[in-house]
Amino acid sequence: MPKLADHGERRAQIIEALMSIAGSKGLHAVTMRSVAAEAGFAVAVVQYYFESKEKMLLFALQHLAERLQDRVGRQLGAVGADASPLRVVEAVLVQAVPADEESRIFHLVWTTYAVLSVTDPALAAQPFLAAPDRMQTFITDRLREAQDAGEIDAGLDPWSEAAGLLAMSAGLGTGVLLGQHTAEQAVRVLRYHLTRMTPGREED
């Protein structure tokens, strides 16, 4: 009896193939045929799971959002439940730096999606692109907690500081991709600015 296909596994393989192509050649190189070849499937198999390239790209975007949530969750688990609010902020910002192959591909593909959404209404309407807004809220709340705990200056505006830190993190990540600086340098810059929020605090 022929083995029944594991639909979830095949769908995951297709998306991983898409991510591999997007990470090495750019999102413009993603086609139904190129993804099929990368995954080792016939084009008809990819078409069975995704009726069009657009639907495949939207599913991949959801996949990216879930991976972002997983990465943040793992990083927060690593710092521990007793970590201070500012330490949590540092951990979240540092994990966004493309320091390994997974995070490099993630940053590259996510940034490409974000740029495309400016002119693509279908992409712009996807709730998954709201992840940066949720991160803004998360960082703002942690900075407010840091103020209450006396970790950072009481005169700072948590929302503005969070917006600046996230913009800095995104810009530094792009700089790492372009070879303008290393991941280690990007992390050092982030920690430098966090330290400046807390007079007298030494960098880890």
C-alpha atoms as a PDB file:
ATOM      1  CA  MET A   1       0.000   0.000   0.000  1.00  0.00           C
ATOM      2  CA  PRO A   2       1.495   3.410  -0.938  1.00  0.00           C
ATOM      3  CA  LYS A   3       2.363   5.674   1.955  1.00  0.00           C
ATOM      4  CA  LEU A   4      -0.144   8.455   2.525  1.00  0.00           C
ATOM      5  CA  ALA A   5       1.261  11.960   2.218  1.00  0.00           C
ATOM      6  CA  ASP A   6       1.664  13.944   5.414  1.00  0.00           C
ATOM      7  CA  HIS A   7       0.037  17.160   4.230  1.00  0.00           C
ATOM      8  CA  GLY A   8       1.375  19.283   7.080  1.00  0.00           C
ATOM      9  CA  GLU A   9       4.918  18.048   6.473  1.00  0.00           C
ATOM     10  CA  ARG A  10       4.713  18.630   2.728  1.00  0.00           C
ATOM     11  CA  ARG A  11       3.329  22.125   3.201  1.00  0.00           C
ATOM     12  CA  ALA A  12       6.166  22.869   5.632  1.00  0.00           C
ATOM     13  CA  GLN A  13       8.734  21.552   3.140  1.00  0.00           C
ATOM     14  CA  ILE A  14       7.334  23.803   0.443  1.00  0.00           C
ATOM     15  CA  ILE A  15       7.524  26.869   2.678  1.00  0.00           C
ATOM     16  CA  GLU A  16      11.054  25.995   3.781  1.00  0.00           C
ATOM     17  CA  ALA A  17      12.032  25.749   0.105  1.00  0.00           C
ATOM     18  CA  LEU A  18      10.464  29.163  -0.502  1.00  0.00           C
ATOM     19  CA  MET A  19      12.393  30.631   2.424  1.00  0.00           C
ATOM     20  CA  SER A  20      15.639  29.110   1.160  1.00  0.00           C
ATOM     21  CA  ILE A  21      15.178  30.678  -2.278  1.00  0.00           C
ATOM     22  CA  ALA A  22      14.110  34.035  -0.849  1.00  0.00           C
ATOM     23  CA  GLY A  23      17.061  34.039   1.534  1.00  0.00           C
ATOM     24  CA  SER A  24      19.657  33.237  -1.133  1.00  0.00           C
ATOM     25  CA  LYS A  25      18.262  34.832  -4.291  1.00  0.00           C
ATOM     26  CA  GLY A  26      15.576  37.240  -3.112  1.00  0.00           C
ATOM     27  CA  LEU A  27      11.801  37.091  -3.026  1.00  0.00           C
ATOM     28  CA  HIS A  28      11.621  38.006  -6.724  1.00  0.00           C
ATOM     29  CA  ALA A  29      13.162  34.605  -7.530  1.00  0.00           C
ATOM     30  CA  VAL A  30      10.291  32.732  -5.883  1.00  0.00           C
ATOM     31  CA  THR A  31       8.018  30.986  -8.396  1.00  0.00           C
ATOM     32  CA  MET A  32       5.887  27.855  -8.206  1.00  0.00           C
ATOM     33  CA  ARG A  33       8.443  26.087 -10.394  1.00  0.00           C
ATOM     34  CA  SER A  34      11.535  27.239  -8.464  1.00  0.00           C
ATOM     35  CA  VAL A  35       9.978  26.273  -5.141  1.00  0.00           C
ATOM     36  CA  ALA A  36       8.992  22.856  -6.500  1.00  0.00           C
ATOM     37  CA  ALA A  37      12.546  22.240  -7.717  1.00  0.00           C
ATOM     38  CA  GLU A  38      14.047  23.354  -4.380  1.00  0.00           C
ATOM     39  CA  ALA A  39      11.669  21.106  -2.420  1.00  0.00           C
ATOM     40  CA  GLY A  40      12.169  18.148  -4.769  1.00  0.00           C
ATOM     41  CA  PHE A  41       8.509  18.008  -5.777  1.00  0.00           C
ATOM     42  CA  ALA A  42       6.696  18.182  -9.074  1.00  0.00           C
ATOM     43  CA  VAL A  43       5.132  21.567  -9.804  1.00  0.00           C
ATOM     44  CA  ALA A  44       1.714  19.908  -9.574  1.00  0.00           C
ATOM     45  CA  VAL A  45       2.390  19.076  -5.917  1.00  0.00           C
ATOM     46  CA  VAL A  46       3.071  22.708  -5.057  1.00  0.00           C
ATOM     47  CA  GLN A  47      -0.019  23.747  -7.004  1.00  0.00           C
ATOM     48  CA  TYR A  48      -2.082  21.209  -5.058  1.00  0.00           C
ATOM     49  CA  TYR A  49      -1.202  22.849  -1.741  1.00  0.00           C
ATOM     50  CA  PHE A  50      -1.128  26.434  -3.001  1.00  0.00           C
ATOM     51  CA  GLU A  51      -3.376  27.438  -5.882  1.00  0.00           C
ATOM     52  CA  SER A  52      -1.247  30.450  -6.765  1.00  0.00           C
ATOM     53  CA  LYS A  53       2.067  32.100  -6.017  1.00  0.00           C
ATOM     54  CA  GLU A  54       0.203  34.831  -4.140  1.00  0.00           C
ATOM     55  CA  LYS A  55      -1.436  32.341  -1.770  1.00  0.00           C
ATOM     56  CA  MET A  56       1.887  30.626  -1.226  1.00  0.00           C
ATOM     57  CA  LEU A  57       3.541  33.946  -0.352  1.00  0.00           C
ATOM     58  CA  LEU A  58       0.757  34.866   2.067  1.00  0.00           C
ATOM     59  CA  PHE A  59       1.067  31.511   3.811  1.00  0.00           C
ATOM     60  CA  ALA A  60       4.818  32.019   4.050  1.00  0.00           C
ATOM     61  CA  LEU A  61       4.205  35.412   5.653  1.00  0.00           C
ATOM     62  CA  GLN A  62       2.059  33.774   8.320  1.00  0.00           C
ATOM     63  CA  HIS A  63       4.829  31.231   8.808  1.00  0.00           C
ATOM     64  CA  LEU A  64       7.323  34.061   9.328  1.00  0.00           C
ATOM     65  CA  ALA A  65       5.112  35.702  11.935  1.00  0.00           C
ATOM     66  CA  GLU A  66       4.838  32.428  13.845  1.00  0.00           C
ATOM     67  CA  ARG A  67       8.599  31.950  13.703  1.00  0.00           C
ATOM     68  CA  LEU A  68       9.115  35.451  15.049  1.00  0.00           C
ATOM     69  CA  GLN A  69       6.843  34.669  17.979  1.00  0.00           C
ATOM     70  CA  ASP A  70       8.733  31.418  18.598  1.00  0.00           C
ATOM     71  CA  ARG A  71      12.123  33.167  18.492  1.00  0.00           C
ATOM     72  CA  VAL A  72      10.997  35.812  20.963  1.00  0.00           C
ATOM     73  CA  GLY A  73       9.505  33.146  23.215  1.00  0.00           C
ATOM     74  CA  ARG A  74      12.738  31.132  23.223  1.00  0.00           C
ATOM     75  CA  GLN A  75      14.779  34.209  23.999  1.00  0.00           C
ATOM     76  CA  LEU A  76      12.522  35.214  26.880  1.00  0.00           C
ATOM     77  CA  GLY A  77      12.679  31.677  28.209  1.00  0.00           C
ATOM     78  CA  ALA A  78      16.467  31.848  28.114  1.00  0.00           C
ATOM     79  CA  VAL A  79      16.653  34.994  30.270  1.00  0.00           C
ATOM     80  CA  GLY A  80      14.319  33.490  32.867  1.00  0.00           C
ATOM     81  CA  ALA A  81      11.083  34.499  34.546  1.00  0.00           C
ATOM     82  CA  ASP A  82      12.915  36.586  37.156  1.00  0.00           C
ATOM     83  CA  ALA A  83      14.690  38.804  34.614  1.00  0.00           C
ATOM     84  CA  SER A  84      14.272  42.546  35.097  1.00  0.00           C
ATOM     85  CA  PRO A  85      12.090  44.464  32.599  1.00  0.00           C
ATOM     86  CA  LEU A  86      15.130  46.120  31.023  1.00  0.00           C
ATOM     87  CA  ARG A  87      16.876  42.765  30.658  1.00  0.00           C
ATOM     88  CA  VAL A  88      13.788  41.472  28.852  1.00  0.00           C
ATOM     89  CA  VAL A  89      13.897  44.447  26.473  1.00  0.00           C
ATOM     90  CA  GLU A  90      17.565  43.793  25.777  1.00  0.00           C
ATOM     91  CA  ALA A  91      16.938  40.109  25.097  1.00  0.00           C
ATOM     92  CA  VAL A  92      14.130  40.834  22.623  1.00  0.00           C
ATOM     93  CA  LEU A  93      16.132  43.450  20.740  1.00  0.00           C
ATOM     94  CA  VAL A  94      19.280  41.324  20.586  1.00  0.00           C
ATOM     95  CA  GLN A  95      17.442  38.291  19.187  1.00  0.00           C
ATOM     96  CA  ALA A  96      16.324  40.407  16.213  1.00  0.00           C
ATOM     97  CA  VAL A  97      19.932  40.939  15.077  1.00  0.00           C
ATOM     98  CA  PRO A  98      20.745  38.581  12.154  1.00  0.00           C
ATOM     99  CA  ALA A  99      23.539  36.733  13.907  1.00  0.00           C
ATOM    100  CA  ASP A 100      22.901  33.277  12.390  1.00  0.00           C
ATOM    101  CA  GLU A 101      21.532  31.853   9.139  1.00  0.00           C
ATOM    102  CA  GLU A 102      17.970  31.509  10.432  1.00  0.00           C
ATOM    103  CA  SER A 103      17.800  35.089  11.687  1.00  0.00           C
ATOM    104  CA  ARG A 104      19.556  36.379   8.545  1.00  0.00           C
ATOM    105  CA  ILE A 105      16.947  34.808   6.279  1.00  0.00           C
ATOM    106  CA  PHE A 106      14.160  35.921   8.584  1.00  0.00           C
ATOM    107  CA  HIS A 107      15.303  39.558   8.578  1.00  0.00           C
ATOM    108  CA  LEU A 108      15.853  39.614   4.817  1.00  0.00           C
ATOM    109  CA  VAL A 109      12.517  38.039   3.887  1.00  0.00           C
ATOM    110  CA  TRP A 110      10.474  39.944   6.463  1.00  0.00           C
ATOM    111  CA  THR A 111      11.954  43.253   5.323  1.00  0.00           C
ATOM    112  CA  THR A 112      11.172  42.380   1.702  1.00  0.00           C
ATOM    113  CA  TYR A 113       7.564  41.581   2.603  1.00  0.00           C
ATOM    114  CA  ALA A 114       7.243  44.867   4.484  1.00  0.00           C
ATOM    115  CA  VAL A 115       8.511  46.868   1.502  1.00  0.00           C
ATOM    116  CA  LEU A 116       6.220  45.008  -0.923  1.00  0.00           C
ATOM    117  CA  SER A 117       3.218  45.663   1.313  1.00  0.00           C
ATOM    118  CA  VAL A 118       3.568  49.398   0.639  1.00  0.00           C
ATOM    119  CA  THR A 119       2.325  48.862  -2.923  1.00  0.00           C
ATOM    120  CA  ASP A 120       0.515  45.516  -2.587  1.00  0.00           C
ATOM    121  CA  PRO A 121      -2.949  45.891  -0.979  1.00  0.00           C
ATOM    122  CA  ALA A 122      -3.288  42.127  -0.465  1.00  0.00           C
ATOM    123  CA  LEU A 123      -0.092  41.999   1.571  1.00  0.00           C
ATOM    124  CA  ALA A 124      -0.849  45.227   3.418  1.00  0.00           C
ATOM    125  CA  ALA A 125      -4.186  43.800   4.587  1.00  0.00           C
ATOM    126  CA  GLN A 126      -2.603  40.784   6.253  1.00  0.00           C
ATOM    127  CA  PRO A 127      -2.785  40.816  10.070  1.00  0.00           C
ATOM    128  CA  PHE A 128       0.637  39.180  10.282  1.00  0.00           C
ATOM    129  CA  LEU A 129       2.296  42.449   9.337  1.00  0.00           C
ATOM    130  CA  ALA A 130       1.008  43.874  12.625  1.00  0.00           C
ATOM    131  CA  ALA A 131       3.799  42.028  14.475  1.00  0.00           C
ATOM    132  CA  PRO A 132       5.945  45.211  14.733  1.00  0.00           C
ATOM    133  CA  ASP A 133       2.980  47.039  16.308  1.00  0.00           C
ATOM    134  CA  ARG A 134       2.606  44.300  18.910  1.00  0.00           C
ATOM    135  CA  MET A 135       6.328  44.467  19.572  1.00  0.00           C
ATOM    136  CA  GLN A 136       6.057  48.239  20.042  1.00  0.00           C
ATOM    137  CA  THR A 137       3.382  47.695  22.691  1.00  0.00           C
ATOM    138  CA  PHE A 138       5.407  44.945  24.368  1.00  0.00           C
ATOM    139  CA  ILE A 139       8.596  47.024  24.591  1.00  0.00           C
ATOM    140  CA  THR A 140       6.681  50.104  25.757  1.00  0.00           C
ATOM    141  CA  ASP A 141       5.056  48.132  28.575  1.00  0.00           C
ATOM    142  CA  ARG A 142       8.395  46.684  29.679  1.00  0.00           C
ATOM    143  CA  LEU A 143       9.983  50.146  29.720  1.00  0.00           C
ATOM    144  CA  ARG A 144       7.128  51.433  31.878  1.00  0.00           C
ATOM    145  CA  GLU A 145       7.796  48.561  34.257  1.00  0.00           C
ATOM    146  CA  ALA A 146      11.489  49.451  34.199  1.00  0.00           C
ATOM    147  CA  GLN A 147      10.592  53.003  35.203  1.00  0.00           C
ATOM    148  CA  ASP A 148       8.438  51.770  38.067  1.00  0.00           C
ATOM    149  CA  ALA A 149      11.348  49.587  39.208  1.00  0.00           C
ATOM    150  CA  GLY A 150      13.789  52.507  38.995  1.00  0.00           C
ATOM    151  CA  GLU A 151      15.831  50.869  36.245  1.00  0.00           C
ATOM    152  CA  ILE A 152      15.559  53.780  33.823  1.00  0.00           C
ATOM    153  CA  ASP A 153      15.137  57.529  34.070  1.00  0.00           C
ATOM    154  CA  ALA A 154      11.629  58.524  35.194  1.00  0.00           C
ATOM    155  CA  GLY A 155      11.660  61.420  32.745  1.00  0.00           C
ATOM    156  CA  LEU A 156      11.871  59.226  29.651  1.00  0.00           C
ATOM    157  CA  ASP A 157       8.840  58.634  27.415  1.00  0.00           C
ATOM    158  CA  PRO A 158       8.487  54.813  27.185  1.00  0.00           C
ATOM    159  CA  TRP A 159       6.564  54.853  23.887  1.00  0.00           C
ATOM    160  CA  SER A 160       9.087  57.100  22.143  1.00  0.00           C
ATOM    161  CA  GLU A 161      12.021  55.148  23.555  1.00  0.00           C
ATOM    162  CA  ALA A 162      10.463  51.868  22.392  1.00  0.00           C
ATOM    163  CA  ALA A 163       9.873  53.263  18.889  1.00  0.00           C
ATOM    164  CA  GLY A 164      13.458  54.473  18.698  1.00  0.00           C
ATOM    165  CA  LEU A 165      14.901  51.182  19.948  1.00  0.00           C
ATOM    166  CA  LEU A 166      12.869  49.119  17.481  1.00  0.00           C
ATOM    167  CA  ALA A 167      13.803  51.395  14.587  1.00  0.00           C
ATOM    168  CA  MET A 168      17.440  51.150  15.640  1.00  0.00           C
ATOM    169  CA  SER A 169      17.215  47.359  15.860  1.00  0.00           C
ATOM    170  CA  ALA A 170      15.702  47.123  12.367  1.00  0.00           C
ATOM    171  CA  GLY A 171      18.263  49.494  10.897  1.00  0.00           C
ATOM    172  CA  LEU A 172      21.165  47.707  12.531  1.00  0.00           C
ATOM    173  CA  GLY A 173      19.842  44.388  11.243  1.00  0.00           C
ATOM    174  CA  THR A 174      19.781  45.729   7.699  1.00  0.00           C
ATOM    175  CA  GLY A 175      23.284  47.090   8.203  1.00  0.00           C
ATOM    176  CA  VAL A 176      24.490  43.626   9.202  1.00  0.00           C
ATOM    177  CA  LEU A 177      22.950  42.143   6.045  1.00  0.00           C
ATOM    178  CA  LEU A 178      24.711  44.782   3.945  1.00  0.00           C
ATOM    179  CA  GLY A 179      28.042  44.142   5.660  1.00  0.00           C
ATOM    180  CA  GLN A 180      28.250  47.651   7.136  1.00  0.00           C
ATOM    181  CA  HIS A 181      28.942  46.160  10.554  1.00  0.00           C
ATOM    182  CA  THR A 182      28.989  42.792  12.292  1.00  0.00           C
ATOM    183  CA  ALA A 183      26.273  41.270  14.431  1.00  0.00           C
ATOM    184  CA  GLU A 184      28.520  41.760  17.466  1.00  0.00           C
ATOM    185  CA  GLN A 185      28.847  45.465  16.713  1.00  0.00           C
ATOM    186  CA  ALA A 186      25.071  45.778  16.295  1.00  0.00           C
ATOM    187  CA  VAL A 187      24.478  44.141  19.674  1.00  0.00           C
ATOM    188  CA  ARG A 188      27.050  46.442  21.266  1.00  0.00           C
ATOM    189  CA  VAL A 189      25.243  49.509  19.878  1.00  0.00           C
ATOM    190  CA  LEU A 190      21.901  48.317  21.247  1.00  0.00           C
ATOM    191  CA  ARG A 191      23.376  47.685  24.696  1.00  0.00           C
ATOM    192  CA  TYR A 192      25.116  51.048  24.598  1.00  0.00           C
ATOM    193  CA  HIS A 193      21.820  52.864  24.109  1.00  0.00           C
ATOM    194  CA  LEU A 194      20.064  50.800  26.756  1.00  0.00           C
ATOM    195  CA  THR A 195      22.873  51.628  29.171  1.00  0.00           C
ATOM    196  CA  ARG A 196      22.433  55.344  28.458  1.00  0.00           C
ATOM    197  CA  MET A 197      18.835  55.058  29.637  1.00  0.00           C
ATOM    198  CA  THR A 198      20.112  53.976  33.038  1.00  0.00           C
ATOM    199  CA  PRO A 199      22.881  56.208  34.422  1.00  0.00           C
ATOM    200  CA  GLY A 200      25.528  54.184  36.190  1.00  0.00           C
ATOM    201  CA  ARG A 201      24.447  50.822  34.757  1.00  0.00           C
ATOM    202  CA  GLU A 202      27.336  48.805  33.372  1.00  0.00           C
ATOM    203  CA  GLU A 203      27.037  46.757  30.202  1.00  0.00           C
ATOM    204  CA  ASP A 204      26.858  42.977  30.607  1.00  0.00           C
END
